[in-house]
Amino acid sequence: MSFCSRCGAGKTGSACGGCGYQTFLNPRPTAGLVVLDEHDRVLLLKRARPPQAGLWELPGGFCDGWEEPVDAALREGREELGVDVVLGPFVGMYIGGYAFQGEVIPVLDCFWLATLEDPGAIVVDPEESVEWAWFPLHDPPPLAFSTMIRALQNVALAKGQR
């Protein structure tokens, strides 16, 4: 049995039996970047913390409350890479899961193609990433999240790569 976040009464399903308040398990929005260089290599970061510490990922993160995903993509680029990014076309949105506090929450991951203002000035946030590297778009290492795999596959397809 779960309990209502408003009145504390027991509830089944989405509605509270005590006060009628309804809650839904909606996906949390994120914004991610598929940063490509002039050789169609993709920039990946190695995660420093759970979930999936030690695996590679695309730069990005959760949208703050009321923050537009496109704004979150630019903010996350600056925070995680230490440089300004230039957004290109929207890649797509994918539903995925994120392990947090003992449960897997649904996420809606939004991705944009991007380039860097100054690729030589990358400085990753050590709390987020332990290293960064460029990889062939068509042959990335194992990635932390399935939505990132799907985004890279779609970009490679659009560029005629497999």
N, C-alpha and C. Protein backbone atom coordinates (compact mmCIF):
# COMPACT_ATOMS: atom_id res chain seq x y z
N MET A 1 0.85 -1.18 0.00
CA MET A 1 0.00 0.00 0.00
C MET A 1 0.89 1.23 0.00
N SER A 2 0.47 2.25 -0.72
CA SER A 2 1.19 3.52 -0.68
C SER A 2 0.32 4.54 0.06
N PHE A 3 0.92 5.66 0.34
CA PHE A 3 0.24 6.67 1.13
C PHE A 3 0.19 8.00 0.39
N CYS A 4 -0.87 8.74 0.65
CA CYS A 4 -1.08 10.03 0.01
C CYS A 4 -0.03 11.04 0.48
N SER A 5 0.57 11.76 -0.48
CA SER A 5 1.57 12.77 -0.13
C SER A 5 0.93 14.02 0.46
N ARG A 6 -0.38 14.15 0.35
CA ARG A 6 -1.06 15.34 0.86
C ARG A 6 -1.61 15.12 2.27
N CYS A 7 -2.33 13.99 2.50
CA CYS A 7 -2.98 13.80 3.81
C CYS A 7 -2.46 12.58 4.58
N GLY A 8 -1.68 11.71 3.92
CA GLY A 8 -1.09 10.56 4.60
C GLY A 8 -1.97 9.33 4.64
N ALA A 9 -3.20 9.42 4.14
CA ALA A 9 -4.09 8.25 4.13
C ALA A 9 -3.58 7.22 3.12
N GLY A 10 -3.96 5.97 3.33
CA GLY A 10 -3.60 4.93 2.38
C GLY A 10 -4.30 5.14 1.05
N LYS A 11 -3.63 4.73 -0.02
CA LYS A 11 -4.26 4.87 -1.34
C LYS A 11 -3.91 3.67 -2.19
N THR A 12 -4.79 3.41 -3.12
CA THR A 12 -4.55 2.40 -4.14
C THR A 12 -4.74 3.08 -5.49
N GLY A 13 -3.87 2.77 -6.43
CA GLY A 13 -3.96 3.46 -7.72
C GLY A 13 -3.50 4.89 -7.60
N SER A 14 -4.09 5.77 -8.41
CA SER A 14 -3.63 7.16 -8.44
C SER A 14 -4.40 8.07 -7.48
N ALA A 15 -5.52 7.61 -6.94
CA ALA A 15 -6.36 8.48 -6.10
C ALA A 15 -6.29 8.09 -4.63
N CYS A 16 -6.26 9.09 -3.78
CA CYS A 16 -6.28 8.89 -2.33
C CYS A 16 -7.70 8.58 -1.88
N GLY A 17 -7.83 7.55 -1.05
CA GLY A 17 -9.15 7.21 -0.51
C GLY A 17 -9.61 8.19 0.54
N GLY A 18 -8.68 8.96 1.15
CA GLY A 18 -9.04 9.89 2.20
C GLY A 18 -9.47 11.26 1.69
N CYS A 19 -8.65 11.85 0.83
CA CYS A 19 -8.95 13.22 0.39
C CYS A 19 -9.23 13.33 -1.11
N GLY A 20 -9.03 12.25 -1.85
CA GLY A 20 -9.31 12.27 -3.28
C GLY A 20 -8.18 12.82 -4.15
N TYR A 21 -7.09 13.27 -3.52
CA TYR A 21 -5.97 13.83 -4.27
C TYR A 21 -5.40 12.76 -5.20
N GLN A 22 -5.13 13.14 -6.46
CA GLN A 22 -4.60 12.19 -7.44
C GLN A 22 -3.14 12.50 -7.74
N THR A 23 -2.35 11.45 -7.83
CA THR A 23 -0.95 11.59 -8.24
C THR A 23 -0.71 10.63 -9.40
N PHE A 24 0.20 11.04 -10.28
CA PHE A 24 0.52 10.23 -11.45
C PHE A 24 2.03 10.10 -11.55
N LEU A 25 2.47 8.98 -12.06
CA LEU A 25 3.90 8.76 -12.26
C LEU A 25 4.26 9.20 -13.67
N ASN A 26 4.52 10.50 -13.82
CA ASN A 26 4.87 11.06 -15.12
C ASN A 26 6.38 11.09 -15.29
N PRO A 27 6.85 10.99 -16.52
CA PRO A 27 8.30 11.04 -16.74
C PRO A 27 8.86 12.43 -16.45
N ARG A 28 10.08 12.45 -15.91
CA ARG A 28 10.78 13.71 -15.65
C ARG A 28 11.54 14.09 -16.91
N PRO A 29 11.46 15.34 -17.35
CA PRO A 29 12.17 15.74 -18.57
C PRO A 29 13.66 15.95 -18.33
N THR A 30 14.44 15.55 -19.32
CA THR A 30 15.87 15.81 -19.33
C THR A 30 16.25 16.42 -20.67
N ALA A 31 17.45 16.97 -20.73
CA ALA A 31 17.96 17.54 -21.98
C ALA A 31 19.38 17.03 -22.18
N GLY A 32 19.63 16.50 -23.37
CA GLY A 32 20.95 15.94 -23.67
C GLY A 32 21.50 16.46 -24.98
N LEU A 33 22.81 16.33 -25.12
CA LEU A 33 23.52 16.84 -26.29
C LEU A 33 24.25 15.73 -27.02
N VAL A 34 24.07 15.68 -28.32
CA VAL A 34 24.86 14.83 -29.18
C VAL A 34 25.87 15.77 -29.83
N VAL A 35 27.03 15.91 -29.19
CA VAL A 35 28.06 16.84 -29.66
C VAL A 35 28.94 16.11 -30.67
N LEU A 36 28.97 16.63 -31.89
CA LEU A 36 29.78 16.03 -32.95
C LEU A 36 30.90 16.98 -33.34
N ASP A 37 32.03 16.39 -33.72
CA ASP A 37 33.11 17.21 -34.27
C ASP A 37 33.10 17.13 -35.79
N GLU A 38 34.10 17.71 -36.43
CA GLU A 38 34.13 17.76 -37.89
C GLU A 38 34.35 16.39 -38.54
N HIS A 39 34.72 15.39 -37.74
CA HIS A 39 34.92 14.03 -38.24
C HIS A 39 33.75 13.11 -37.88
N ASP A 40 32.64 13.68 -37.45
CA ASP A 40 31.47 12.93 -37.00
C ASP A 40 31.80 12.00 -35.83
N ARG A 41 32.70 12.45 -34.98
CA ARG A 41 32.93 11.74 -33.72
C ARG A 41 32.02 12.39 -32.67
N VAL A 42 31.57 11.56 -31.73
CA VAL A 42 30.66 12.04 -30.68
C VAL A 42 31.43 12.18 -29.37
N LEU A 43 31.15 13.26 -28.66
CA LEU A 43 31.77 13.53 -27.37
C LEU A 43 31.00 12.79 -26.28
N LEU A 44 31.71 11.96 -25.53
CA LEU A 44 31.10 11.22 -24.42
C LEU A 44 31.84 11.52 -23.13
N LEU A 45 31.11 11.42 -22.03
CA LEU A 45 31.65 11.63 -20.69
C LEU A 45 31.55 10.32 -19.91
N LYS A 46 32.55 10.02 -19.10
CA LYS A 46 32.49 8.83 -18.24
C LYS A 46 31.93 9.26 -16.89
N ARG A 47 30.82 8.62 -16.50
CA ARG A 47 30.10 9.00 -15.28
C ARG A 47 30.94 8.79 -14.03
N ALA A 48 30.89 9.77 -13.13
CA ALA A 48 31.63 9.70 -11.88
C ALA A 48 30.78 9.15 -10.73
N ARG A 49 29.47 9.14 -10.91
CA ARG A 49 28.61 8.73 -9.77
C ARG A 49 27.44 7.90 -10.26
N PRO A 50 26.81 7.20 -9.31
CA PRO A 50 25.64 6.39 -9.68
C PRO A 50 24.49 7.29 -10.13
N PRO A 51 23.57 6.75 -10.87
CA PRO A 51 23.59 5.38 -11.37
C PRO A 51 24.54 5.23 -12.57
N GLN A 52 24.99 4.03 -12.78
CA GLN A 52 25.82 3.68 -13.93
C GLN A 52 27.20 4.34 -13.89
N ALA A 53 27.76 4.56 -12.70
CA ALA A 53 29.10 5.12 -12.58
C ALA A 53 30.08 4.28 -13.38
N GLY A 54 30.98 4.95 -14.09
CA GLY A 54 31.99 4.27 -14.88
C GLY A 54 31.59 4.01 -16.32
N LEU A 55 30.32 4.18 -16.65
CA LEU A 55 29.88 4.03 -18.04
C LEU A 55 29.89 5.40 -18.73
N TRP A 56 29.89 5.37 -20.04
CA TRP A 56 29.92 6.58 -20.84
C TRP A 56 28.51 7.11 -21.07
N GLU A 57 28.41 8.42 -21.24
CA GLU A 57 27.12 9.07 -21.48
C GLU A 57 27.30 10.31 -22.33
N LEU A 58 26.17 10.77 -22.86
CA LEU A 58 26.13 12.07 -23.54
C LEU A 58 26.01 13.16 -22.47
N PRO A 59 26.53 14.36 -22.72
CA PRO A 59 26.33 15.46 -21.77
C PRO A 59 24.83 15.79 -21.67
N GLY A 60 24.40 16.10 -20.47
CA GLY A 60 23.00 16.47 -20.27
C GLY A 60 22.57 16.24 -18.84
N GLY A 61 21.29 16.47 -18.58
CA GLY A 61 20.77 16.27 -17.24
C GLY A 61 19.31 16.68 -17.14
N PHE A 62 18.82 16.65 -15.92
CA PHE A 62 17.42 16.95 -15.66
C PHE A 62 17.13 18.44 -15.84
N CYS A 63 15.93 18.70 -16.33
CA CYS A 63 15.44 20.08 -16.41
C CYS A 63 15.09 20.54 -15.00
N ASP A 64 15.40 21.77 -14.68
CA ASP A 64 14.96 22.35 -13.41
C ASP A 64 13.46 22.65 -13.53
N GLY A 65 12.81 22.86 -12.37
CA GLY A 65 11.38 23.16 -12.39
C GLY A 65 11.07 24.33 -13.30
N TRP A 66 10.15 24.17 -14.21
CA TRP A 66 9.68 25.18 -15.15
C TRP A 66 10.73 25.59 -16.19
N GLU A 67 11.85 24.88 -16.25
CA GLU A 67 12.88 25.20 -17.24
C GLU A 67 12.55 24.49 -18.56
N GLU A 68 12.62 25.23 -19.64
CA GLU A 68 12.41 24.63 -20.96
C GLU A 68 13.57 23.68 -21.27
N PRO A 69 13.29 22.52 -21.89
CA PRO A 69 14.37 21.58 -22.21
C PRO A 69 15.49 22.19 -23.05
N VAL A 70 15.17 23.06 -23.99
CA VAL A 70 16.22 23.68 -24.80
C VAL A 70 17.15 24.53 -23.94
N ASP A 71 16.60 25.22 -22.95
CA ASP A 71 17.42 26.01 -22.03
C ASP A 71 18.25 25.10 -21.13
N ALA A 72 17.66 23.98 -20.72
CA ALA A 72 18.40 23.01 -19.90
C ALA A 72 19.57 22.42 -20.69
N ALA A 73 19.38 22.18 -21.98
CA ALA A 73 20.45 21.64 -22.81
C ALA A 73 21.64 22.59 -22.83
N LEU A 74 21.39 23.87 -23.01
CA LEU A 74 22.46 24.86 -23.02
C LEU A 74 23.13 24.96 -21.64
N ARG A 75 22.32 24.99 -20.59
CA ARG A 75 22.87 25.07 -19.22
C ARG A 75 23.72 23.86 -18.90
N GLU A 76 23.19 22.66 -19.20
CA GLU A 76 23.93 21.43 -18.90
C GLU A 76 25.24 21.37 -19.68
N GLY A 77 25.22 21.85 -20.93
CA GLY A 77 26.46 21.89 -21.70
C GLY A 77 27.52 22.73 -21.02
N ARG A 78 27.12 23.92 -20.55
CA ARG A 78 28.07 24.80 -19.85
C ARG A 78 28.54 24.17 -18.55
N GLU A 79 27.61 23.58 -17.78
CA GLU A 79 27.96 23.00 -16.49
C GLU A 79 28.87 21.78 -16.63
N GLU A 80 28.55 20.89 -17.55
CA GLU A 80 29.27 19.63 -17.64
C GLU A 80 30.54 19.71 -18.47
N LEU A 81 30.60 20.65 -19.42
CA LEU A 81 31.75 20.73 -20.31
C LEU A 81 32.61 21.97 -20.08
N GLY A 82 32.08 22.96 -19.39
CA GLY A 82 32.83 24.17 -19.13
C GLY A 82 32.96 25.08 -20.33
N VAL A 83 32.21 24.82 -21.39
CA VAL A 83 32.24 25.65 -22.60
C VAL A 83 30.82 25.87 -23.09
N ASP A 84 30.65 26.90 -23.89
CA ASP A 84 29.34 27.15 -24.49
C ASP A 84 29.12 26.19 -25.65
N VAL A 85 27.87 25.78 -25.81
CA VAL A 85 27.50 24.89 -26.91
C VAL A 85 26.59 25.65 -27.87
N VAL A 86 26.61 25.21 -29.11
CA VAL A 86 25.70 25.74 -30.13
C VAL A 86 24.76 24.61 -30.50
N LEU A 87 23.48 24.81 -30.25
CA LEU A 87 22.50 23.76 -30.55
C LEU A 87 22.21 23.71 -32.03
N GLY A 88 22.07 22.49 -32.52
CA GLY A 88 21.66 22.24 -33.88
C GLY A 88 20.25 21.67 -33.88
N PRO A 89 19.93 20.84 -34.87
CA PRO A 89 18.58 20.28 -34.95
C PRO A 89 18.25 19.36 -33.77
N PHE A 90 16.96 19.32 -33.49
CA PHE A 90 16.43 18.42 -32.46
C PHE A 90 16.53 16.99 -32.99
N VAL A 91 17.05 16.09 -32.16
CA VAL A 91 17.22 14.69 -32.53
C VAL A 91 15.95 13.89 -32.24
N GLY A 92 15.42 14.04 -31.02
CA GLY A 92 14.22 13.30 -30.65
C GLY A 92 14.03 13.21 -29.15
N MET A 93 12.90 12.58 -28.78
CA MET A 93 12.54 12.35 -27.38
C MET A 93 12.34 10.86 -27.19
N TYR A 94 12.82 10.35 -26.05
CA TYR A 94 12.75 8.91 -25.79
C TYR A 94 12.42 8.69 -24.32
N ILE A 95 11.52 7.74 -24.07
CA ILE A 95 11.19 7.37 -22.69
C ILE A 95 12.21 6.36 -22.20
N GLY A 96 12.73 6.62 -21.01
CA GLY A 96 13.71 5.71 -20.41
C GLY A 96 13.49 5.62 -18.91
N GLY A 97 14.42 4.97 -18.23
CA GLY A 97 14.35 4.83 -16.79
C GLY A 97 15.63 5.34 -16.14
N TYR A 98 15.50 5.83 -14.90
CA TYR A 98 16.63 6.37 -14.15
C TYR A 98 16.52 5.86 -12.72
N ALA A 99 17.52 5.09 -12.27
CA ALA A 99 17.51 4.55 -10.91
C ALA A 99 17.82 5.67 -9.93
N PHE A 100 16.90 5.89 -8.99
CA PHE A 100 17.06 6.97 -8.02
C PHE A 100 16.38 6.58 -6.72
N GLN A 101 17.11 6.65 -5.62
CA GLN A 101 16.59 6.39 -4.28
C GLN A 101 15.85 5.06 -4.19
N GLY A 102 16.44 4.02 -4.78
CA GLY A 102 15.88 2.68 -4.66
C GLY A 102 14.75 2.34 -5.60
N GLU A 103 14.45 3.20 -6.55
CA GLU A 103 13.41 2.89 -7.53
C GLU A 103 13.84 3.42 -8.89
N VAL A 104 13.19 2.93 -9.92
CA VAL A 104 13.45 3.42 -11.27
C VAL A 104 12.32 4.37 -11.64
N ILE A 105 12.70 5.62 -11.94
CA ILE A 105 11.70 6.61 -12.30
C ILE A 105 11.70 6.78 -13.82
N PRO A 106 10.54 7.07 -14.40
CA PRO A 106 10.50 7.30 -15.84
C PRO A 106 11.05 8.69 -16.17
N VAL A 107 11.79 8.75 -17.27
CA VAL A 107 12.33 10.02 -17.75
C VAL A 107 11.96 10.20 -19.22
N LEU A 108 11.84 11.44 -19.63
CA LEU A 108 11.62 11.79 -21.03
C LEU A 108 12.88 12.52 -21.47
N ASP A 109 13.77 11.80 -22.15
CA ASP A 109 15.06 12.34 -22.55
C ASP A 109 14.95 13.01 -23.92
N CYS A 110 15.29 14.29 -23.97
CA CYS A 110 15.24 15.10 -25.19
C CYS A 110 16.68 15.38 -25.63
N PHE A 111 16.98 15.16 -26.91
CA PHE A 111 18.35 15.32 -27.40
C PHE A 111 18.42 16.29 -28.58
N TRP A 112 19.51 17.06 -28.60
CA TRP A 112 19.82 17.97 -29.71
C TRP A 112 21.21 17.68 -30.23
N LEU A 113 21.39 17.82 -31.54
CA LEU A 113 22.73 17.86 -32.08
C LEU A 113 23.36 19.16 -31.59
N ALA A 114 24.68 19.14 -31.40
CA ALA A 114 25.34 20.34 -30.90
C ALA A 114 26.80 20.35 -31.33
N THR A 115 27.36 21.55 -31.35
CA THR A 115 28.80 21.74 -31.53
C THR A 115 29.28 22.60 -30.38
N LEU A 116 30.58 22.65 -30.20
CA LEU A 116 31.17 23.42 -29.11
C LEU A 116 31.77 24.71 -29.64
N GLU A 117 31.61 25.79 -28.89
CA GLU A 117 32.22 27.07 -29.25
C GLU A 117 33.74 26.93 -29.31
N ASP A 118 34.32 26.24 -28.31
CA ASP A 118 35.78 26.08 -28.24
C ASP A 118 36.09 24.68 -27.73
N PRO A 119 36.16 23.68 -28.63
CA PRO A 119 36.39 22.30 -28.21
C PRO A 119 37.68 22.11 -27.43
N GLY A 120 38.67 22.98 -27.64
CA GLY A 120 39.93 22.85 -26.93
C GLY A 120 39.87 23.30 -25.48
N ALA A 121 38.76 23.88 -25.07
CA ALA A 121 38.63 24.42 -23.72
C ALA A 121 37.77 23.56 -22.80
N ILE A 122 37.47 22.32 -23.18
CA ILE A 122 36.61 21.46 -22.35
C ILE A 122 37.25 21.24 -20.99
N VAL A 123 36.47 21.48 -19.95
CA VAL A 123 36.85 21.18 -18.57
C VAL A 123 35.63 20.55 -17.93
N VAL A 124 35.69 19.23 -17.69
CA VAL A 124 34.53 18.55 -17.13
C VAL A 124 34.43 18.79 -15.63
N ASP A 125 33.20 18.72 -15.13
CA ASP A 125 32.93 18.84 -13.70
C ASP A 125 33.30 17.50 -13.07
N PRO A 126 34.31 17.45 -12.18
CA PRO A 126 34.76 16.18 -11.61
C PRO A 126 33.72 15.47 -10.74
N GLU A 127 32.71 16.20 -10.29
CA GLU A 127 31.64 15.55 -9.54
C GLU A 127 30.72 14.77 -10.47
N GLU A 128 30.71 15.13 -11.75
CA GLU A 128 29.82 14.49 -12.73
C GLU A 128 30.56 13.47 -13.58
N SER A 129 31.80 13.81 -13.99
CA SER A 129 32.52 12.99 -14.97
C SER A 129 33.98 12.83 -14.58
N VAL A 130 34.52 11.63 -14.85
CA VAL A 130 35.93 11.39 -14.56
C VAL A 130 36.82 11.57 -15.78
N GLU A 131 36.23 11.55 -16.96
CA GLU A 131 36.99 11.83 -18.19
C GLU A 131 36.03 12.08 -19.34
N TRP A 132 36.61 12.55 -20.45
CA TRP A 132 35.84 12.77 -21.67
C TRP A 132 36.68 12.31 -22.84
N ALA A 133 35.99 11.92 -23.92
CA ALA A 133 36.70 11.46 -25.11
C ALA A 133 35.76 11.52 -26.31
N TRP A 134 36.37 11.57 -27.51
CA TRP A 134 35.64 11.53 -28.77
C TRP A 134 35.63 10.09 -29.27
N PHE A 135 34.48 9.61 -29.74
CA PHE A 135 34.32 8.25 -30.25
C PHE A 135 33.64 8.30 -31.62
N PRO A 136 33.90 7.28 -32.46
CA PRO A 136 33.17 7.22 -33.73
C PRO A 136 31.66 7.13 -33.46
N LEU A 137 30.91 7.93 -34.16
CA LEU A 137 29.45 7.95 -33.99
C LEU A 137 28.86 6.56 -34.19
N HIS A 138 29.37 5.81 -35.14
CA HIS A 138 28.82 4.49 -35.46
C HIS A 138 29.34 3.38 -34.54
N ASP A 139 30.30 3.69 -33.64
CA ASP A 139 30.89 2.65 -32.79
C ASP A 139 31.23 3.18 -31.39
N PRO A 140 30.21 3.64 -30.64
CA PRO A 140 30.49 4.16 -29.30
C PRO A 140 30.73 3.00 -28.31
N PRO A 141 31.35 3.29 -27.17
CA PRO A 141 31.47 2.27 -26.12
C PRO A 141 30.10 2.03 -25.49
N PRO A 142 29.99 1.05 -24.59
CA PRO A 142 28.71 0.86 -23.89
C PRO A 142 28.28 2.15 -23.18
N LEU A 143 27.01 2.51 -23.37
CA LEU A 143 26.48 3.74 -22.81
C LEU A 143 25.63 3.46 -21.57
N ALA A 144 25.54 4.45 -20.70
CA ALA A 144 24.85 4.31 -19.42
C ALA A 144 23.34 4.15 -19.55
N PHE A 145 22.74 4.74 -20.59
CA PHE A 145 21.29 4.76 -20.67
C PHE A 145 20.83 4.41 -22.08
N SER A 146 19.77 3.61 -22.16
CA SER A 146 19.28 3.12 -23.45
C SER A 146 18.80 4.25 -24.36
N THR A 147 18.30 5.33 -23.79
CA THR A 147 17.83 6.44 -24.62
C THR A 147 18.98 7.09 -25.39
N MET A 148 20.15 7.08 -24.79
CA MET A 148 21.33 7.65 -25.45
C MET A 148 21.75 6.78 -26.64
N ILE A 149 21.63 5.49 -26.47
CA ILE A 149 21.93 4.56 -27.56
C ILE A 149 20.98 4.83 -28.72
N ARG A 150 19.70 4.97 -28.42
CA ARG A 150 18.70 5.23 -29.47
C ARG A 150 18.95 6.56 -30.17
N ALA A 151 19.30 7.59 -29.41
CA ALA A 151 19.58 8.90 -30.01
C ALA A 151 20.77 8.80 -30.96
N LEU A 152 21.84 8.14 -30.53
CA LEU A 152 23.02 8.01 -31.40
C LEU A 152 22.71 7.17 -32.64
N GLN A 153 21.90 6.13 -32.46
CA GLN A 153 21.51 5.32 -33.62
C GLN A 153 20.74 6.17 -34.63
N ASN A 154 19.83 7.01 -34.15
CA ASN A 154 19.05 7.85 -35.05
C ASN A 154 19.91 8.90 -35.75
N VAL A 155 20.89 9.46 -35.04
CA VAL A 155 21.79 10.43 -35.67
C VAL A 155 22.64 9.73 -36.73
N ALA A 156 23.17 8.55 -36.39
CA ALA A 156 23.99 7.80 -37.36
C ALA A 156 23.17 7.45 -38.59
N LEU A 157 21.94 7.03 -38.40
CA LEU A 157 21.06 6.71 -39.53
C LEU A 157 20.84 7.93 -40.42
N ALA A 158 20.59 9.06 -39.79
CA ALA A 158 20.34 10.29 -40.55
C ALA A 158 21.58 10.71 -41.34
N LYS A 159 22.76 10.35 -40.85
CA LYS A 159 24.00 10.69 -41.53
C LYS A 159 24.45 9.58 -42.48
N GLY A 160 23.66 8.52 -42.59
CA GLY A 160 24.00 7.42 -43.50
C GLY A 160 25.01 6.46 -42.92
N GLN A 161 25.21 6.50 -41.59
CA GLN A 161 26.12 5.56 -40.92
C GLN A 161 25.29 4.52 -40.20
N ARG A 162 25.90 3.42 -39.84
CA ARG A 162 25.16 2.38 -39.10
C ARG A 162 25.67 2.23 -37.72
